[in-house]
Amino acid sequence: MNCPRCRRSVPPDARLCCYCGKRLADCEAPQRRRHRRPRGTGTVWKDPRNKNRPYVAVAADGTRIGSFATAGDAVQMLDRVNASQAAPDRLCYTLSDVYERLCYTLSDVYERWSVLHYPKISKSAQQSYRNAYNKAEPLHRRRIAELKTEDYQTIIQQIADAGGSRSLCEKQRQLFSQLCQYAIHQDIIHTNYAQALSLPSPGAPKTRVLSAAEVSAIWGMVCDPRLGETAKIALTLVYTGMRLNELLTVRRDDVHLADGYLVGGEKTEAGRRRVIPIHPDVRSFVTDWLAAGAGSSPYLLASKYGLPRDHNNVRKSFGSLMQKLGIQGVTPHTCRHTAATKMAASGLPPEVVKQILGHADIATTLNIYTHPDTALLVANLEKIQWR
C-alpha cells in the first residue's frame, strides 16, 4: 500500500502515512466539534470508560437512548428519537399556522387550557381559577405573545390595592403561570413571564379569639328557629377545638358519648383519628344529632341526602349568625383559637392541649393558637413575691 501523496510504501493497517502524515483513503475523518444542540433536543456526551462505544445519547427528558461507536451515530439516533416523538402537525407548520398561533389572545389560551386542566381538579379549584381569570379582564383581548411580566404584575397590584389577600394574589400568579406554560408547550411563546411576579408581603395574622360575652351571646341563639343549629355547631367548635370540616365529617360510629369523647381529625398525621373530648356543656347537642340521624346516614351531621353538610353553606350560616350578633372579624376557625386559648388559660398542660387539637409540634399550639388575655398575664405576674 502506497501513500497517495509521497508514494512511499506504508503498512496496510496504517491510518496515516508514517512519512508525510497524509490521511489514507480508508481512514475515517475525525469528528469535528459541533455547536451546542438546541435546548430540549437532548445531548450527546463521551464516556471515557467505554472504549468500544464511548458516545452516549440522552433524550431531553433524561432517558438514556444508548451508546454508540461514533458521535455521528449517536447524533443520528437522537435526531430520529426526537422526530418520532414530535406530533405530525408540528413537523409541518405553515406560515398561516404560525400566524394563527401568534394571534392567540389570553382568552383563547385560557379556553384551550381549561378544557384540558379542569377535568383533573375539583369544582372548588375550578371556581378559584375562574375567579382569577375574571380579575384579569383587562388582559383578555390582548395577544399572549405580547404580554410581559409588567402586564401580569399590574393585575396583581390591582388585587393588592383593592385589599386582596396574599393567597388571592398567589392564585392569580398560579393561573398566569399555568397559561404561560401551556402557551410554551404550544409554541406560542417561549418564556414564562409569570415566574418573575412579586407578591405582597403576608402581613401579620388577623386571628383573634371570642370573648366570654361573645360566647354567651352565641348561647342565647341556640333556640333560634333559623340560626339555632349554626349556634350549636359554633359552640361545639369552641368547646372541643375541632376544625369545622372535622366536625362535619365525624361518623356516628366514632362517637363514644357514654365515655365522653369522639374519634376524628384530619390534616396532619398527629391530627388524624385522635381522641377529642366532648365537654359536658355541649354533650346534649351531640345527643340530639345522634337521635336525629339515627339509621339515615353514617355521619353525625348529615344533609338530607345522607352526605356530610356542605362546608361552604355552614360557613355562610356562621357568617349570618355573627352578623346578627354584631360580632366582627371572626370565622369558624376563630372558635378553634378560642378553644386553645381557654384550655391554656384554664391550666391544662400544653402537651394535653396539643393532643386535643391534633398538632404535630407543640410550638404551633403555643405560638399560633394560644392568645393570652392581658389581664390574666398581669394577674399572674403580680403573684410573684419580690420581698
Protein backbone atom coordinates (compact mmCIF):
# COMPACT_ATOMS: atom_id res chain seq x y z
CA MET A 1 0.00 0.00 0.00
CA ASN A 2 1.47 3.34 -1.11
CA CYS A 3 0.77 6.83 0.20
CA PRO A 4 -1.15 8.90 -2.41
CA ARG A 5 0.98 11.95 -1.64
CA CYS A 6 4.58 10.80 -1.21
CA ARG A 7 4.15 7.42 -2.96
CA ARG A 8 6.07 5.62 -0.28
CA SER A 9 5.11 2.22 0.98
CA VAL A 10 3.14 2.20 4.27
CA PRO A 11 1.81 -0.70 6.38
CA PRO A 12 -1.60 -1.99 5.19
CA ASP A 13 -3.32 -1.23 8.52
CA ALA A 14 -1.94 2.33 8.76
CA ARG A 15 -4.46 5.21 9.04
CA LEU A 16 -1.90 7.93 8.33
CA CYS A 17 1.28 7.96 6.28
CA CYS A 18 4.22 7.49 8.62
CA TYR A 19 6.35 9.79 6.39
CA CYS A 20 4.19 12.79 5.40
CA GLY A 21 1.17 12.37 7.65
CA LYS A 22 -1.37 12.16 4.82
CA ARG A 23 -4.70 10.58 5.87
CA LEU A 24 -5.20 7.44 3.82
CA ALA A 25 -8.35 6.72 1.82
CA ASP A 26 -9.73 4.07 4.18
CA CYS A 27 -9.23 6.30 7.22
CA GLU A 28 -12.40 7.90 8.61
CA ALA A 29 -12.29 11.69 9.02
CA PRO A 30 -12.03 12.83 12.64
CA GLN A 31 -15.25 14.00 14.32
CA ARG A 32 -15.34 17.77 14.26
CA ARG A 33 -16.59 19.67 17.31
CA ARG A 34 -20.22 20.60 16.78
CA HIS A 35 -22.13 23.54 18.11
CA ARG A 36 -24.31 23.17 21.20
CA ARG A 37 -27.55 21.36 20.48
CA PRO A 38 -30.79 23.37 20.75
CA ARG A 39 -32.45 23.30 24.17
CA GLY A 40 -34.94 20.50 24.58
CA THR A 41 -33.42 18.20 21.94
CA GLY A 42 -31.21 16.06 24.18
CA THR A 43 -27.46 15.76 24.33
CA VAL A 44 -24.52 13.56 23.29
CA TRP A 45 -21.56 13.08 25.61
CA LYS A 46 -18.47 10.90 25.68
CA ASP A 47 -17.93 8.24 28.33
CA PRO A 48 -14.17 7.60 28.64
CA ARG A 49 -14.80 4.32 30.50
CA ASN A 50 -16.36 2.70 27.43
CA LYS A 51 -13.63 2.10 24.88
CA ASN A 52 -15.75 0.45 22.17
CA ARG A 53 -18.92 2.59 22.31
CA PRO A 54 -17.98 5.79 24.15
CA TYR A 55 -20.63 8.19 22.76
CA VAL A 56 -23.84 8.30 24.82
CA ALA A 57 -27.12 9.77 23.52
CA VAL A 58 -29.53 11.12 26.15
CA ALA A 59 -33.05 12.35 25.34
CA ALA A 60 -34.40 15.70 26.53
CA ASP A 61 -36.28 14.09 29.44
CA GLY A 62 -33.09 12.43 30.72
CA THR A 63 -33.74 9.00 29.23
CA ARG A 64 -30.56 7.27 28.10
CA ILE A 65 -31.04 6.13 24.49
CA GLY A 66 -27.84 4.12 24.12
CA SER A 67 -24.07 4.04 23.49
CA PHE A 68 -22.51 4.31 20.04
CA ALA A 69 -19.11 3.88 18.46
CA THR A 70 -19.08 7.34 16.88
CA ALA A 71 -20.57 10.70 17.75
CA GLY A 72 -22.27 10.85 14.36
CA ASP A 73 -24.18 7.64 15.07
CA ALA A 74 -25.29 8.99 18.45
CA VAL A 75 -26.49 12.27 16.92
CA GLN A 76 -28.41 10.49 14.17
CA MET A 77 -30.16 8.22 16.67
CA LEU A 78 -31.03 11.20 18.92
CA ASP A 79 -32.50 13.10 15.97
CA ARG A 80 -34.50 10.03 14.99
CA VAL A 81 -35.94 9.74 18.51
CA ASN A 82 -36.87 13.44 18.62
CA ALA A 83 -38.61 13.17 15.24
CA SER A 84 -40.64 10.15 16.35
CA GLN A 85 -41.85 11.96 19.50
CA ALA A 86 -42.98 15.11 17.71
CA ALA A 87 -46.60 15.36 16.64
CA PRO A 88 -47.04 15.20 12.83
CA ASP A 89 -48.81 18.57 12.66
CA ARG A 90 -45.85 20.18 14.45
CA LEU A 91 -43.37 18.91 11.89
CA CYS A 92 -45.01 20.80 9.03
CA TYR A 93 -46.05 24.23 10.22
CA THR A 94 -47.30 26.53 7.50
CA LEU A 95 -46.98 30.29 7.65
CA SER A 96 -50.71 30.61 8.37
CA ASP A 97 -50.40 28.14 11.28
CA VAL A 98 -47.64 30.19 12.85
CA TYR A 99 -49.55 33.44 12.35
CA GLU A 100 -52.72 31.98 13.88
CA ARG A 101 -50.86 30.83 16.97
CA LEU A 102 -49.19 34.20 17.40
CA CYS A 103 -52.62 35.87 17.33
CA TYR A 104 -53.96 33.82 20.26
CA THR A 105 -55.28 36.09 23.00
CA LEU A 106 -55.14 35.37 26.71
CA SER A 107 -58.80 34.38 26.48
CA ASP A 108 -58.05 31.90 23.66
CA VAL A 109 -55.28 30.26 25.67
CA TYR A 110 -57.45 30.11 28.79
CA GLU A 111 -60.29 28.36 26.93
CA ARG A 112 -57.94 25.72 25.49
CA TRP A 113 -56.07 25.26 28.77
CA SER A 114 -59.21 24.93 30.88
CA VAL A 115 -60.60 22.16 28.68
CA LEU A 116 -57.51 20.06 29.47
CA HIS A 117 -56.92 21.10 33.08
CA TYR A 118 -60.36 21.37 34.69
CA PRO A 119 -61.27 17.66 34.48
CA LYS A 120 -58.23 16.92 36.70
CA ILE A 121 -59.18 19.21 39.61
CA SER A 122 -62.10 19.70 42.00
CA LYS A 123 -65.03 22.03 41.38
CA SER A 124 -63.86 24.42 44.09
CA ALA A 125 -60.44 24.65 42.45
CA GLN A 126 -62.10 25.29 39.10
CA GLN A 127 -64.10 28.14 40.61
CA SER A 128 -60.92 29.63 42.10
CA TYR A 129 -59.32 29.68 38.65
CA ARG A 130 -62.47 31.22 37.13
CA ASN A 131 -62.41 33.98 39.73
CA ALA A 132 -58.74 34.64 39.00
CA TYR A 133 -59.46 34.72 35.25
CA ASN A 134 -62.26 37.26 35.76
CA LYS A 135 -59.87 39.52 37.70
CA ALA A 136 -57.58 39.58 34.63
CA GLU A 137 -60.34 41.03 32.42
CA PRO A 138 -58.13 43.92 31.09
CA LEU A 139 -55.82 41.30 29.51
CA HIS A 140 -58.47 39.04 27.98
CA ARG A 141 -58.37 40.53 24.46
CA ARG A 142 -54.62 41.06 24.30
CA ARG A 143 -52.33 38.66 22.45
CA ILE A 144 -50.49 36.46 24.92
CA ALA A 145 -47.35 36.75 22.77
CA GLU A 146 -47.12 40.45 23.62
CA LEU A 147 -47.83 40.14 27.36
CA LYS A 148 -44.82 40.55 29.62
CA THR A 149 -44.15 40.44 33.34
CA GLU A 150 -45.23 44.04 33.92
CA ASP A 151 -48.64 43.35 32.34
CA TYR A 152 -49.32 40.45 34.72
CA GLN A 153 -47.88 42.42 37.62
CA THR A 154 -50.44 45.19 37.02
CA ILE A 155 -53.27 42.75 37.73
CA ILE A 156 -51.53 41.52 40.89
CA GLN A 157 -51.10 45.10 42.07
CA GLN A 158 -54.76 45.92 41.43
CA ILE A 159 -55.82 42.96 43.58
CA ALA A 160 -53.46 44.03 46.38
CA ASP A 161 -54.64 47.68 46.20
CA ALA A 162 -58.26 46.51 46.47
CA GLY A 163 -57.44 44.79 49.77
CA GLY A 164 -56.99 41.29 48.36
CA SER A 165 -55.04 38.83 50.47
CA ARG A 166 -51.70 37.33 49.55
CA SER A 167 -53.42 34.00 48.86
CA LEU A 168 -55.60 35.67 46.20
CA CYS A 169 -52.51 37.16 44.59
CA GLU A 170 -50.82 33.76 44.72
CA LYS A 171 -53.79 32.15 42.96
CA GLN A 172 -53.62 34.85 40.30
CA ARG A 173 -49.94 34.20 39.73
CA GLN A 174 -50.61 30.47 39.58
CA LEU A 175 -53.19 30.98 36.82
CA PHE A 176 -50.83 33.19 34.79
CA SER A 177 -48.04 30.65 35.18
CA GLN A 178 -50.29 27.78 34.06
CA LEU A 179 -51.38 29.72 30.97
CA CYS A 180 -47.79 30.62 30.09
CA GLN A 181 -46.68 27.01 30.46
CA TYR A 182 -49.48 25.86 28.16
CA ALA A 183 -48.56 28.54 25.61
CA ILE A 184 -44.91 27.44 25.73
CA HIS A 185 -45.87 23.83 25.03
CA GLN A 186 -47.95 25.00 22.06
CA ASP A 187 -45.03 27.06 20.65
CA ILE A 188 -46.96 30.32 21.11
CA ILE A 189 -44.45 31.94 23.48
CA HIS A 190 -41.01 30.93 24.70
CA THR A 191 -40.81 32.37 28.24
CA ASN A 192 -42.93 32.03 31.37
CA TYR A 193 -43.17 35.69 32.34
CA ALA A 194 -45.29 34.85 35.41
CA GLN A 195 -42.25 33.41 37.21
CA ALA A 196 -40.87 36.88 37.93
CA LEU A 197 -44.08 38.22 39.52
CA SER A 198 -43.76 39.63 43.03
CA LEU A 199 -46.48 39.24 45.66
CA PRO A 200 -47.38 41.49 48.60
CA SER A 201 -45.93 40.58 51.96
CA PRO A 202 -48.07 38.19 54.03
CA GLY A 203 -48.54 40.67 56.86
CA ALA A 204 -49.45 39.84 60.41
CA PRO A 205 -52.19 37.26 61.00
CA LYS A 206 -55.59 38.74 61.86
CA THR A 207 -56.73 35.92 64.12
CA ARG A 208 -58.46 36.76 67.38
CA VAL A 209 -60.49 34.87 69.98
CA LEU A 210 -64.08 35.15 71.09
CA SER A 211 -64.63 36.89 74.40
CA ALA A 212 -66.74 35.43 77.18
CA ALA A 213 -69.52 37.91 76.34
CA GLU A 214 -69.49 36.85 72.69
CA VAL A 215 -69.65 33.16 73.60
CA SER A 216 -72.56 33.95 75.92
CA ALA A 217 -74.32 35.73 73.06
CA ILE A 218 -73.94 32.63 70.89
CA TRP A 219 -75.53 30.58 73.68
CA GLY A 220 -78.50 32.92 73.52
CA MET A 221 -79.09 31.90 69.88
CA VAL A 222 -79.33 28.13 70.49
CA CYS A 223 -83.15 28.22 70.50
CA ASP A 224 -83.41 30.49 67.44
CA PRO A 225 -85.56 28.73 64.77
CA ARG A 226 -83.32 29.77 61.88
CA LEU A 227 -79.78 30.01 63.28
CA GLY A 228 -80.05 27.77 66.34
CA GLU A 229 -78.41 24.81 64.58
CA THR A 230 -75.50 27.01 63.48
CA ALA A 231 -75.12 28.28 67.06
CA LYS A 232 -74.84 24.69 68.29
CA ILE A 233 -72.14 23.96 65.72
CA ALA A 234 -70.22 27.12 66.70
CA LEU A 235 -70.36 26.25 70.39
CA THR A 236 -69.25 22.68 69.72
CA LEU A 237 -66.22 24.07 67.89
CA VAL A 238 -65.48 26.42 70.79
CA TYR A 239 -65.73 23.69 73.44
CA THR A 240 -63.83 20.96 71.54
CA GLY A 241 -61.28 22.86 69.47
CA MET A 242 -62.21 20.95 66.31
CA ARG A 243 -61.89 22.33 62.80
CA LEU A 244 -65.20 22.87 61.03
CA ASN A 245 -64.57 20.19 58.43
CA GLU A 246 -63.53 17.75 61.16
CA LEU A 247 -66.90 18.16 62.86
CA LEU A 248 -68.84 17.88 59.61
CA THR A 249 -67.15 14.59 58.68
CA VAL A 250 -67.40 12.83 62.06
CA ARG A 251 -69.03 9.40 61.72
CA ARG A 252 -71.65 8.21 64.16
CA ASP A 253 -69.66 5.05 64.91
CA ASP A 254 -66.78 7.22 66.13
CA VAL A 255 -68.88 8.97 68.79
CA HIS A 256 -68.49 7.40 72.24
CA LEU A 257 -70.95 9.53 74.17
CA ALA A 258 -71.01 7.36 77.29
CA ASP A 259 -67.24 7.73 77.63
CA GLY A 260 -67.30 11.44 76.80
CA TYR A 261 -65.24 11.53 73.62
CA LEU A 262 -65.27 11.06 69.85
CA VAL A 263 -62.60 10.00 67.37
CA GLY A 264 -61.89 12.20 64.39
CA GLY A 265 -59.50 14.70 62.84
CA GLU A 266 -57.67 15.39 59.62
CA LYS A 267 -54.84 17.40 58.04
CA THR A 268 -51.73 16.09 59.89
CA GLU A 269 -50.63 12.62 60.92
CA ALA A 270 -50.89 13.68 64.56
CA GLY A 271 -54.38 15.08 63.99
CA ARG A 272 -55.98 12.12 62.22
CA ARG A 273 -58.01 9.65 64.25
CA ARG A 274 -57.29 11.46 67.50
CA VAL A 275 -59.36 11.35 70.68
CA ILE A 276 -61.38 14.56 71.11
CA PRO A 277 -63.12 15.03 74.50
CA ILE A 278 -66.74 16.22 74.41
CA HIS A 279 -67.33 18.95 77.01
CA PRO A 280 -70.41 18.32 79.20
CA ASP A 281 -71.91 21.69 78.21
CA VAL A 282 -72.23 20.63 74.53
CA ARG A 283 -72.88 16.93 75.08
CA SER A 284 -76.63 17.50 74.66
CA PHE A 285 -76.01 18.83 71.13
CA VAL A 286 -74.22 15.62 70.14
CA THR A 287 -77.03 13.59 71.70
CA ASP A 288 -79.62 15.44 69.61
CA TRP A 289 -77.60 14.94 66.42
CA LEU A 290 -77.27 11.23 67.08
CA ALA A 291 -81.00 10.90 67.65
CA ALA A 292 -81.96 13.00 64.61
CA GLY A 293 -79.92 10.99 62.11
CA ALA A 294 -80.38 7.50 63.50
CA GLY A 295 -80.39 4.96 60.67
CA SER A 296 -80.34 7.53 57.86
CA SER A 297 -76.67 8.35 57.46
CA PRO A 298 -73.26 7.24 58.77
CA TYR A 299 -72.37 10.88 59.54
CA LEU A 300 -73.12 12.73 62.76
CA LEU A 301 -74.07 15.94 60.95
CA ALA A 302 -75.61 14.80 57.68
CA SER A 303 -77.54 16.63 54.98
CA LYS A 304 -80.93 15.46 53.78
CA TYR A 305 -79.11 13.32 51.20
CA GLY A 306 -77.12 11.45 53.86
CA LEU A 307 -73.83 13.16 52.99
CA PRO A 308 -71.77 15.49 55.19
CA ARG A 309 -73.13 19.02 55.29
CA ASP A 310 -71.60 21.36 52.77
CA HIS A 311 -68.65 23.24 54.25
CA ASN A 312 -69.40 26.47 52.38
CA ASN A 313 -73.07 26.52 53.36
CA VAL A 314 -72.20 26.14 57.04
CA ARG A 315 -69.64 28.95 56.77
CA LYS A 316 -72.30 31.23 55.25
CA SER A 317 -74.72 30.39 58.08
CA PHE A 318 -71.92 31.09 60.58
CA GLY A 319 -71.39 34.49 58.98
CA SER A 320 -75.11 35.25 59.22
CA LEU A 321 -75.06 34.29 62.90
CA MET A 322 -72.12 36.56 63.65
CA GLN A 323 -73.68 39.41 61.69
CA LYS A 324 -76.92 39.13 63.68
CA LEU A 325 -74.97 39.19 66.96
CA GLY A 326 -72.80 42.08 65.83
CA ILE A 327 -69.58 40.05 66.16
CA GLN A 328 -67.00 41.11 63.57
CA GLY A 329 -63.71 39.70 62.33
CA VAL A 330 -64.34 36.04 63.14
CA THR A 331 -64.61 32.80 61.14
CA PRO A 332 -65.34 29.22 62.17
CA HIS A 333 -61.61 28.76 62.68
CA THR A 334 -61.73 31.52 65.33
CA CYS A 335 -63.59 29.01 67.52
CA ARG A 336 -60.54 26.72 67.40
CA HIS A 337 -58.25 29.54 68.52
CA THR A 338 -60.73 30.39 71.27
CA ALA A 339 -60.72 26.78 72.49
CA ALA A 340 -56.92 26.61 72.55
CA THR A 341 -56.66 29.88 74.47
CA LYS A 342 -59.31 28.84 77.01
CA MET A 343 -57.63 25.47 77.57
CA ALA A 344 -54.28 27.12 78.23
CA ALA A 345 -55.81 29.75 80.49
CA SER A 346 -57.62 27.05 82.49
CA GLY A 347 -54.34 25.39 83.37
CA LEU A 348 -54.34 22.42 81.00
CA PRO A 349 -50.77 21.26 80.34
CA PRO A 350 -49.52 22.33 76.91
CA GLU A 351 -48.95 18.69 75.93
CA VAL A 352 -52.62 17.90 76.63
CA VAL A 353 -53.78 20.90 74.60
CA LYS A 354 -51.51 19.80 71.77
CA GLN A 355 -53.04 16.31 71.73
CA ILE A 356 -56.62 17.59 71.84
CA LEU A 357 -56.01 19.97 68.93
CA GLY A 358 -54.00 17.40 67.00
CA HIS A 359 -50.86 19.46 66.44
CA ALA A 360 -47.67 17.69 65.44
CA ASP A 361 -45.47 20.36 67.09
CA ILE A 362 -46.20 21.95 70.45
CA ALA A 363 -44.72 25.20 69.14
CA THR A 364 -47.75 25.50 66.85
CA THR A 365 -50.04 25.23 69.86
CA LEU A 366 -48.15 27.80 71.92
CA ASN A 367 -47.14 30.33 69.26
CA ILE A 368 -50.14 30.36 66.93
CA TYR A 369 -53.25 29.04 68.65
CA THR A 370 -52.98 30.49 72.15
CA HIS A 371 -53.70 34.19 72.72
CA PRO A 372 -53.22 35.02 76.45
CA ASP A 373 -55.52 37.62 77.93
CA THR A 374 -53.72 40.78 79.06
CA ALA A 375 -55.44 40.85 82.44
CA LEU A 376 -54.50 37.22 83.00
CA LEU A 377 -50.83 37.97 82.31
CA VAL A 378 -50.86 40.93 84.71
CA ALA A 379 -52.61 38.93 87.44
CA ASN A 380 -50.10 36.08 87.18
CA LEU A 381 -47.12 38.42 87.27
CA GLU A 382 -48.45 40.07 90.45
CA LYS A 383 -48.34 36.69 92.19
CA ILE A 384 -44.51 36.85 92.21
CA GLN A 385 -43.14 37.85 95.63
CA TRP A 386 -40.03 40.02 95.30
CA ARG A 387 -39.56 40.85 99.02
